[in-house]
Amino acid sequence: MTELILAAQGQAQGAGGGWGFIVMMVLIFAIMWWFMIRPQQKRQKEIRKFQNALSEGTKVVTGGGIYGTVKRINNDNNTVDA
């Protein structure tokens, strides 16, 4: 009889463990979003804002470190001549 009671208690404890796992996974996702995804979205927003503010005569620095001045913007091809 005591074996049956112990087995029932073990099953009850195992069933509650699923909620703890789900809460832990949600917490991990929230932390990952806060430290990785959110800053990347902010950076992309700043880059888009800079690209939209470009005009002829704007001084720029390329990713390779080359300094230049925007001479022409082609909105059809999304290209800039410097």
PDB file of N, CA and C in Angstrom:
ATOM      1  N   MET A   1       0.816  -1.193   0.000  1.00  0.00           N
ATOM      2  CA  MET A   1       0.000   0.000   0.000  1.00  0.00           C
ATOM      3  C   MET A   1       0.860   1.258   0.000  1.00  0.00           C
ATOM      4  N   THR A   2       1.941   1.266   0.818  1.00  0.00           N
ATOM      5  CA  THR A   2       2.807   2.439   0.849  1.00  0.00           C
ATOM      6  C   THR A   2       3.544   2.610  -0.469  1.00  0.00           C
ATOM      7  N   GLU A   3       3.804   1.512  -1.174  1.00  0.00           N
ATOM      8  CA  GLU A   3       4.456   1.625  -2.478  1.00  0.00           C
ATOM      9  C   GLU A   3       3.552   2.356  -3.456  1.00  0.00           C
ATOM     10  N   LEU A   4       2.261   2.102  -3.405  1.00  0.00           N
ATOM     11  CA  LEU A   4       1.293   2.743  -4.284  1.00  0.00           C
ATOM     12  C   LEU A   4       1.202   4.233  -3.983  1.00  0.00           C
ATOM     13  N   ILE A   5       1.237   4.617  -2.721  1.00  0.00           N
ATOM     14  CA  ILE A   5       1.175   6.026  -2.327  1.00  0.00           C
ATOM     15  C   ILE A   5       2.447   6.746  -2.782  1.00  0.00           C
ATOM     16  N   LEU A   6       3.614   6.124  -2.592  1.00  0.00           N
ATOM     17  CA  LEU A   6       4.871   6.726  -3.018  1.00  0.00           C
ATOM     18  C   LEU A   6       4.903   6.905  -4.535  1.00  0.00           C
ATOM     19  N   ALA A   7       4.387   5.950  -5.268  1.00  0.00           N
ATOM     20  CA  ALA A   7       4.360   6.050  -6.730  1.00  0.00           C
ATOM     21  C   ALA A   7       3.451   7.196  -7.159  1.00  0.00           C
ATOM     22  N   ALA A   8       2.331   7.371  -6.505  1.00  0.00           N
ATOM     23  CA  ALA A   8       1.404   8.453  -6.831  1.00  0.00           C
ATOM     24  C   ALA A   8       2.029   9.807  -6.519  1.00  0.00           C
ATOM     25  N   GLN A   9       2.780   9.905  -5.426  1.00  0.00           N
ATOM     26  CA  GLN A   9       3.446  11.161  -5.087  1.00  0.00           C
ATOM     27  C   GLN A   9       4.530  11.489  -6.112  1.00  0.00           C
ATOM     28  N   GLY A  10       5.260  10.485  -6.558  1.00  0.00           N
ATOM     29  CA  GLY A  10       6.304  10.693  -7.562  1.00  0.00           C
ATOM     30  C   GLY A  10       5.710  11.185  -8.882  1.00  0.00           C
ATOM     31  N   GLN A  11       4.541  10.660  -9.273  1.00  0.00           N
ATOM     32  CA  GLN A  11       3.884  11.106 -10.501  1.00  0.00           C
ATOM     33  C   GLN A  11       3.392  12.538 -10.352  1.00  0.00           C
ATOM     34  N   ALA A  12       2.902  12.909  -9.204  1.00  0.00           N
ATOM     35  CA  ALA A  12       2.405  14.269  -8.979  1.00  0.00           C
ATOM     36  C   ALA A  12       3.559  15.268  -9.044  1.00  0.00           C
ATOM     37  N   GLN A  13       4.705  14.909  -8.520  1.00  0.00           N
ATOM     38  CA  GLN A  13       5.851  15.809  -8.568  1.00  0.00           C
ATOM     39  C   GLN A  13       6.366  15.944  -9.997  1.00  0.00           C
ATOM     40  N   GLY A  14       6.357  14.904 -10.768  1.00  0.00           N
ATOM     41  CA  GLY A  14       6.831  14.943 -12.143  1.00  0.00           C
ATOM     42  C   GLY A  14       5.939  15.798 -13.026  1.00  0.00           C
ATOM     43  N   ALA A  15       4.649  15.827 -12.774  1.00  0.00           N
ATOM     44  CA  ALA A  15       3.725  16.605 -13.592  1.00  0.00           C
ATOM     45  C   ALA A  15       3.945  18.098 -13.403  1.00  0.00           C
ATOM     46  N   GLY A  16       4.318  18.548 -12.229  1.00  0.00           N
ATOM     47  CA  GLY A  16       4.548  19.963 -11.970  1.00  0.00           C
ATOM     48  C   GLY A  16       5.857  20.461 -12.565  1.00  0.00           C
ATOM     49  N   GLY A  17       6.777  19.574 -12.909  1.00  0.00           N
ATOM     50  CA  GLY A  17       8.060  19.956 -13.453  1.00  0.00           C
ATOM     51  C   GLY A  17       7.957  20.571 -14.841  1.00  0.00           C
ATOM     52  N   GLY A  18       6.896  20.298 -15.578  1.00  0.00           N
ATOM     53  CA  GLY A  18       6.712  20.844 -16.915  1.00  0.00           C
ATOM     54  C   GLY A  18       6.554  22.353 -16.899  1.00  0.00           C
ATOM     55  N   TRP A  19       5.857  22.874 -15.907  1.00  0.00           N
ATOM     56  CA  TRP A  19       5.657  24.327 -15.808  1.00  0.00           C
ATOM     57  C   TRP A  19       6.963  25.047 -15.549  1.00  0.00           C
ATOM     58  N   GLY A  20       7.786  24.477 -14.710  1.00  0.00           N
ATOM     59  CA  GLY A  20       9.084  25.076 -14.423  1.00  0.00           C
ATOM     60  C   GLY A  20       9.944  25.164 -15.679  1.00  0.00           C
ATOM     61  N   PHE A  21       9.886  24.133 -16.499  1.00  0.00           N
ATOM     62  CA  PHE A  21      10.645  24.114 -17.749  1.00  0.00           C
ATOM     63  C   PHE A  21      10.130  25.184 -18.712  1.00  0.00           C
ATOM     64  N   ILE A  22       8.818  25.316 -18.819  1.00  0.00           N
ATOM     65  CA  ILE A  22       8.232  26.316 -19.721  1.00  0.00           C
ATOM     66  C   ILE A  22       8.595  27.727 -19.262  1.00  0.00           C
ATOM     67  N   VAL A  23       8.504  27.982 -17.962  1.00  0.00           N
ATOM     68  CA  VAL A  23       8.858  29.300 -17.431  1.00  0.00           C
ATOM     69  C   VAL A  23      10.328  29.590 -17.697  1.00  0.00           C
ATOM     70  N   MET A  24      11.191  28.589 -17.510  1.00  0.00           N
ATOM     71  CA  MET A  24      12.618  28.774 -17.752  1.00  0.00           C
ATOM     72  C   MET A  24      12.884  29.083 -19.233  1.00  0.00           C
ATOM     73  N   MET A  25      12.210  28.408 -20.143  1.00  0.00           N
ATOM     74  CA  MET A  25      12.402  28.650 -21.577  1.00  0.00           C
ATOM     75  C   MET A  25      11.930  30.051 -21.961  1.00  0.00           C
ATOM     76  N   VAL A  26      10.812  30.496 -21.397  1.00  0.00           N
ATOM     77  CA  VAL A  26      10.311  31.850 -21.673  1.00  0.00           C
ATOM     78  C   VAL A  26      11.303  32.883 -21.154  1.00  0.00           C
ATOM     79  N   LEU A  27      11.847  32.657 -19.973  1.00  0.00           N
ATOM     80  CA  LEU A  27      12.852  33.563 -19.410  1.00  0.00           C
ATOM     81  C   LEU A  27      14.107  33.625 -20.278  1.00  0.00           C
ATOM     82  N   ILE A  28      14.570  32.480 -20.751  1.00  0.00           N
ATOM     83  CA  ILE A  28      15.755  32.456 -21.611  1.00  0.00           C
ATOM     84  C   ILE A  28      15.489  33.220 -22.891  1.00  0.00           C
ATOM     85  N   PHE A  29      14.317  33.025 -23.510  1.00  0.00           N
ATOM     86  CA  PHE A  29      13.984  33.741 -24.736  1.00  0.00           C
ATOM     87  C   PHE A  29      13.901  35.245 -24.486  1.00  0.00           C
ATOM     88  N   ALA A  30      13.306  35.643 -23.364  1.00  0.00           N
ATOM     89  CA  ALA A  30      13.188  37.073 -23.044  1.00  0.00           C
ATOM     90  C   ALA A  30      14.564  37.705 -22.862  1.00  0.00           C
ATOM     91  N   ILE A  31      15.453  37.024 -22.180  1.00  0.00           N
ATOM     92  CA  ILE A  31      16.808  37.550 -21.977  1.00  0.00           C
ATOM     93  C   ILE A  31      17.548  37.622 -23.298  1.00  0.00           C
ATOM     94  N   MET A  32      17.411  36.593 -24.119  1.00  0.00           N
ATOM     95  CA  MET A  32      18.073  36.589 -25.426  1.00  0.00           C
ATOM     96  C   MET A  32      17.544  37.733 -26.295  1.00  0.00           C
ATOM     97  N   TRP A  33      16.240  37.966 -26.280  1.00  0.00           N
ATOM     98  CA  TRP A  33      15.657  39.058 -27.061  1.00  0.00           C
ATOM     99  C   TRP A  33      16.187  40.395 -26.561  1.00  0.00           C
ATOM    100  N   TRP A  34      16.254  40.568 -25.253  1.00  0.00           N
ATOM    101  CA  TRP A  34      16.674  41.850 -24.671  1.00  0.00           C
ATOM    102  C   TRP A  34      18.123  42.179 -25.009  1.00  0.00           C
ATOM    103  N   PHE A  35      19.012  41.178 -24.980  1.00  0.00           N
ATOM    104  CA  PHE A  35      20.434  41.443 -25.174  1.00  0.00           C
ATOM    105  C   PHE A  35      20.928  41.236 -26.598  1.00  0.00           C
ATOM    106  N   MET A  36      20.184  40.532 -27.454  1.00  0.00           N
ATOM    107  CA  MET A  36      20.684  40.256 -28.797  1.00  0.00           C
ATOM    108  C   MET A  36      19.801  40.831 -29.897  1.00  0.00           C
ATOM    109  N   ILE A  37      18.536  40.545 -29.875  1.00  0.00           N
ATOM    110  CA  ILE A  37      17.656  40.930 -30.975  1.00  0.00           C
ATOM    111  C   ILE A  37      17.315  42.410 -30.912  1.00  0.00           C
ATOM    112  N   ARG A  38      16.975  42.915 -29.739  1.00  0.00           N
ATOM    113  CA  ARG A  38      16.588  44.320 -29.594  1.00  0.00           C
ATOM    114  C   ARG A  38      17.684  45.290 -30.010  1.00  0.00           C
ATOM    115  N   PRO A  39      18.949  45.109 -29.571  1.00  0.00           N
ATOM    116  CA  PRO A  39      20.003  46.030 -30.024  1.00  0.00           C
ATOM    117  C   PRO A  39      20.223  45.975 -31.541  1.00  0.00           C
ATOM    118  N   GLN A  40      20.102  44.790 -32.127  1.00  0.00           N
ATOM    119  CA  GLN A  40      20.266  44.667 -33.575  1.00  0.00           C
ATOM    120  C   GLN A  40      19.174  45.432 -34.310  1.00  0.00           C
ATOM    121  N   GLN A  41      17.947  45.375 -33.821  1.00  0.00           N
ATOM    122  CA  GLN A  41      16.850  46.126 -34.437  1.00  0.00           C
ATOM    123  C   GLN A  41      17.095  47.622 -34.329  1.00  0.00           C
ATOM    124  N   LYS A  42      17.625  48.074 -33.199  1.00  0.00           N
ATOM    125  CA  LYS A  42      17.926  49.501 -33.032  1.00  0.00           C
ATOM    126  C   LYS A  42      19.009  49.939 -34.011  1.00  0.00           C
ATOM    127  N   ARG A  43      20.053  49.102 -34.190  1.00  0.00           N
ATOM    128  CA  ARG A  43      21.127  49.427 -35.124  1.00  0.00           C
ATOM    129  C   ARG A  43      20.601  49.517 -36.546  1.00  0.00           C
ATOM    130  N   GLN A  44      19.751  48.569 -36.932  1.00  0.00           N
ATOM    131  CA  GLN A  44      19.172  48.578 -38.277  1.00  0.00           C
ATOM    132  C   GLN A  44      18.337  49.829 -38.498  1.00  0.00           C
ATOM    133  N   LYS A  45      17.609  50.251 -37.479  1.00  0.00           N
ATOM    134  CA  LYS A  45      16.797  51.468 -37.580  1.00  0.00           C
ATOM    135  C   LYS A  45      17.683  52.689 -37.791  1.00  0.00           C
ATOM    136  N   GLU A  46      18.806  52.761 -37.071  1.00  0.00           N
ATOM    137  CA  GLU A  46      19.737  53.885 -37.233  1.00  0.00           C
ATOM    138  C   GLU A  46      20.363  53.888 -38.627  1.00  0.00           C
ATOM    139  N   ILE A  47      20.703  52.711 -39.145  1.00  0.00           N
ATOM    140  CA  ILE A  47      21.290  52.617 -40.486  1.00  0.00           C
ATOM    141  C   ILE A  47      20.289  53.085 -41.532  1.00  0.00           C
ATOM    142  N   ARG A  48      19.026  52.636 -41.420  1.00  0.00           N
ATOM    143  CA  ARG A  48      17.991  53.076 -42.368  1.00  0.00           C
ATOM    144  C   ARG A  48      17.793  54.589 -42.303  1.00  0.00           C
ATOM    145  N   LYS A  49      17.818  55.136 -41.095  1.00  0.00           N
ATOM    146  CA  LYS A  49      17.660  56.581 -40.920  1.00  0.00           C
ATOM    147  C   LYS A  49      18.811  57.328 -41.598  1.00  0.00           C
ATOM    148  N   PHE A  50      20.041  56.821 -41.439  1.00  0.00           N
ATOM    149  CA  PHE A  50      21.201  57.441 -42.084  1.00  0.00           C
ATOM    150  C   PHE A  50      21.091  57.350 -43.601  1.00  0.00           C
ATOM    151  N   GLN A  51      20.697  56.184 -44.115  1.00  0.00           N
ATOM    152  CA  GLN A  51      20.586  56.000 -45.562  1.00  0.00           C
ATOM    153  C   GLN A  51      19.529  56.932 -46.154  1.00  0.00           C
ATOM    154  N   ASN A  52      18.425  57.109 -45.459  1.00  0.00           N
ATOM    155  CA  ASN A  52      17.366  57.986 -45.959  1.00  0.00           C
ATOM    156  C   ASN A  52      17.762  59.452 -45.890  1.00  0.00           C
ATOM    157  N   ALA A  53      18.700  59.797 -45.017  1.00  0.00           N
ATOM    158  CA  ALA A  53      19.128  61.189 -44.861  1.00  0.00           C
ATOM    159  C   ALA A  53      20.247  61.561 -45.833  1.00  0.00           C
ATOM    160  N   LEU A  54      20.774  60.579 -46.578  1.00  0.00           N
ATOM    161  CA  LEU A  54      21.857  60.874 -47.523  1.00  0.00           C
ATOM    162  C   LEU A  54      21.375  61.817 -48.618  1.00  0.00           C
ATOM    163  N   SER A  55      22.238  62.722 -48.981  1.00  0.00           N
ATOM    164  CA  SER A  55      21.960  63.606 -50.109  1.00  0.00           C
ATOM    165  C   SER A  55      23.283  63.900 -50.807  1.00  0.00           C
ATOM    166  N   GLU A  56      23.214  64.494 -51.967  1.00  0.00           N
ATOM    167  CA  GLU A  56      24.422  64.812 -52.711  1.00  0.00           C
ATOM    168  C   GLU A  56      25.256  65.802 -51.914  1.00  0.00           C
ATOM    169  N   GLY A  57      26.570  65.517 -51.845  1.00  0.00           N
ATOM    170  CA  GLY A  57      27.472  66.376 -51.099  1.00  0.00           C
ATOM    171  C   GLY A  57      27.738  65.904 -49.683  1.00  0.00           C
ATOM    172  N   THR A  58      27.037  64.864 -49.221  1.00  0.00           N
ATOM    173  CA  THR A  58      27.244  64.333 -47.867  1.00  0.00           C
ATOM    174  C   THR A  58      28.564  63.575 -47.814  1.00  0.00           C
ATOM    175  N   LYS A  59      29.364  63.820 -46.787  1.00  0.00           N
ATOM    176  CA  LYS A  59      30.634  63.107 -46.606  1.00  0.00           C
ATOM    177  C   LYS A  59      30.352  61.794 -45.890  1.00  0.00           C
ATOM    178  N   VAL A  60      30.942  60.713 -46.420  1.00  0.00           N
ATOM    179  CA  VAL A  60      30.708  59.378 -45.877  1.00  0.00           C
ATOM    180  C   VAL A  60      32.028  58.637 -45.728  1.00  0.00           C
ATOM    181  N   VAL A  61      32.004  57.568 -44.927  1.00  0.00           N
ATOM    182  CA  VAL A  61      33.131  56.647 -44.792  1.00  0.00           C
ATOM    183  C   VAL A  61      32.588  55.253 -45.069  1.00  0.00           C
ATOM    184  N   THR A  62      33.205  54.527 -45.988  1.00  0.00           N
ATOM    185  CA  THR A  62      32.730  53.181 -46.333  1.00  0.00           C
ATOM    186  C   THR A  62      33.113  52.195 -45.239  1.00  0.00           C
ATOM    187  N   GLY A  63      32.580  50.998 -45.349  1.00  0.00           N
ATOM    188  CA  GLY A  63      32.916  49.941 -44.397  1.00  0.00           C
ATOM    189  C   GLY A  63      34.389  49.586 -44.445  1.00  0.00           C
ATOM    190  N   GLY A  64      35.032  49.812 -45.578  1.00  0.00           N
ATOM    191  CA  GLY A  64      36.454  49.524 -45.722  1.00  0.00           C
ATOM    192  C   GLY A  64      37.347  50.658 -45.260  1.00  0.00           C
ATOM    193  N   GLY A  65      36.759  51.775 -44.825  1.00  0.00           N
ATOM    194  CA  GLY A  65      37.531  52.884 -44.305  1.00  0.00           C
ATOM    195  C   GLY A  65      37.870  53.951 -45.330  1.00  0.00           C
ATOM    196  N   ILE A  66      37.249  53.907 -46.500  1.00  0.00           N
ATOM    197  CA  ILE A  66      37.525  54.889 -47.543  1.00  0.00           C
ATOM    198  C   ILE A  66      36.599  56.091 -47.358  1.00  0.00           C
ATOM    199  N   TYR A  67      37.200  57.279 -47.323  1.00  0.00           N
ATOM    200  CA  TYR A  67      36.434  58.517 -47.181  1.00  0.00           C
ATOM    201  C   TYR A  67      35.969  58.968 -48.553  1.00  0.00           C
ATOM    202  N   GLY A  68      34.756  59.499 -48.627  1.00  0.00           N
ATOM    203  CA  GLY A  68      34.244  59.982 -49.900  1.00  0.00           C
ATOM    204  C   GLY A  68      33.125  60.971 -49.710  1.00  0.00           C
ATOM    205  N   THR A  69      32.663  61.531 -50.834  1.00  0.00           N
ATOM    206  CA  THR A  69      31.544  62.463 -50.848  1.00  0.00           C
ATOM    207  C   THR A  69      30.513  61.931 -51.828  1.00  0.00           C
ATOM    208  N   VAL A  70      29.262  61.928 -51.439  1.00  0.00           N
ATOM    209  CA  VAL A  70      28.188  61.418 -52.291  1.00  0.00           C
ATOM    210  C   VAL A  70      28.012  62.360 -53.475  1.00  0.00           C
ATOM    211  N   LYS A  71      28.096  61.793 -54.694  1.00  0.00           N
ATOM    212  CA  LYS A  71      27.916  62.596 -55.898  1.00  0.00           C
ATOM    213  C   LYS A  71      26.552  62.376 -56.520  1.00  0.00           C
ATOM    214  N   ARG A  72      26.063  61.138 -56.452  1.00  0.00           N
ATOM    215  CA  ARG A  72      24.782  60.832 -57.082  1.00  0.00           C
ATOM    216  C   ARG A  72      24.106  59.683 -56.328  1.00  0.00           C
ATOM    217  N   ILE A  73      22.794  59.780 -56.184  1.00  0.00           N
ATOM    218  CA  ILE A  73      22.007  58.736 -55.534  1.00  0.00           C
ATOM    219  C   ILE A  73      21.019  58.196 -56.558  1.00  0.00           C
ATOM    220  N   ASN A  74      21.039  56.886 -56.761  1.00  0.00           N
ATOM    221  CA  ASN A  74      20.122  56.237 -57.692  1.00  0.00           C
ATOM    222  C   ASN A  74      19.109  55.430 -56.870  1.00  0.00           C
ATOM    223  N   ASN A  75      17.912  55.967 -56.701  1.00  0.00           N
ATOM    224  CA  ASN A  75      16.893  55.296 -55.891  1.00  0.00           C
ATOM    225  C   ASN A  75      16.310  54.074 -56.577  1.00  0.00           C
ATOM    226  N   ASP A  76      16.409  53.986 -57.899  1.00  0.00           N
ATOM    227  CA  ASP A  76      15.892  52.816 -58.615  1.00  0.00           C
ATOM    228  C   ASP A  76      16.695  51.568 -58.278  1.00  0.00           C
ATOM    229  N   ASN A  77      18.022  51.729 -58.218  1.00  0.00           N
ATOM    230  CA  ASN A  77      18.903  50.590 -57.942  1.00  0.00           C
ATOM    231  C   ASN A  77      19.384  50.557 -56.489  1.00  0.00           C
ATOM    232  N   ASN A  78      19.003  51.559 -55.693  1.00  0.00           N
ATOM    233  CA  ASN A  78      19.481  51.695 -54.313  1.00  0.00           C
ATOM    234  C   ASN A  78      21.011  51.731 -54.269  1.00  0.00           C
ATOM    235  N   THR A  79      21.598  52.572 -55.138  1.00  0.00           N
ATOM    236  CA  THR A  79      23.049  52.704 -55.161  1.00  0.00           C
ATOM    237  C   THR A  79      23.435  54.159 -54.943  1.00  0.00           C
ATOM    238  N   VAL A  80      24.687  54.336 -54.503  1.00  0.00           N
ATOM    239  CA  VAL A  80      25.237  55.681 -54.269  1.00  0.00           C
ATOM    240  C   VAL A  80      26.590  55.745 -54.958  1.00  0.00           C
ATOM    241  N   ASP A  81      26.833  56.799 -55.715  1.00  0.00           N
ATOM    242  CA  ASP A  81      28.155  57.022 -56.321  1.00  0.00           C
ATOM    243  C   ASP A  81      28.883  58.047 -55.469  1.00  0.00           C
ATOM    244  N   ALA A  82      30.110  57.709 -55.104  1.00  0.00           N
ATOM    245  CA  ALA A  82      30.892  58.627 -54.285  1.00  0.00           C
ATOM    246  C   ALA A  82      32.185  58.964 -54.993  1.00  0.00           C
TER     247      ALA A  82
END
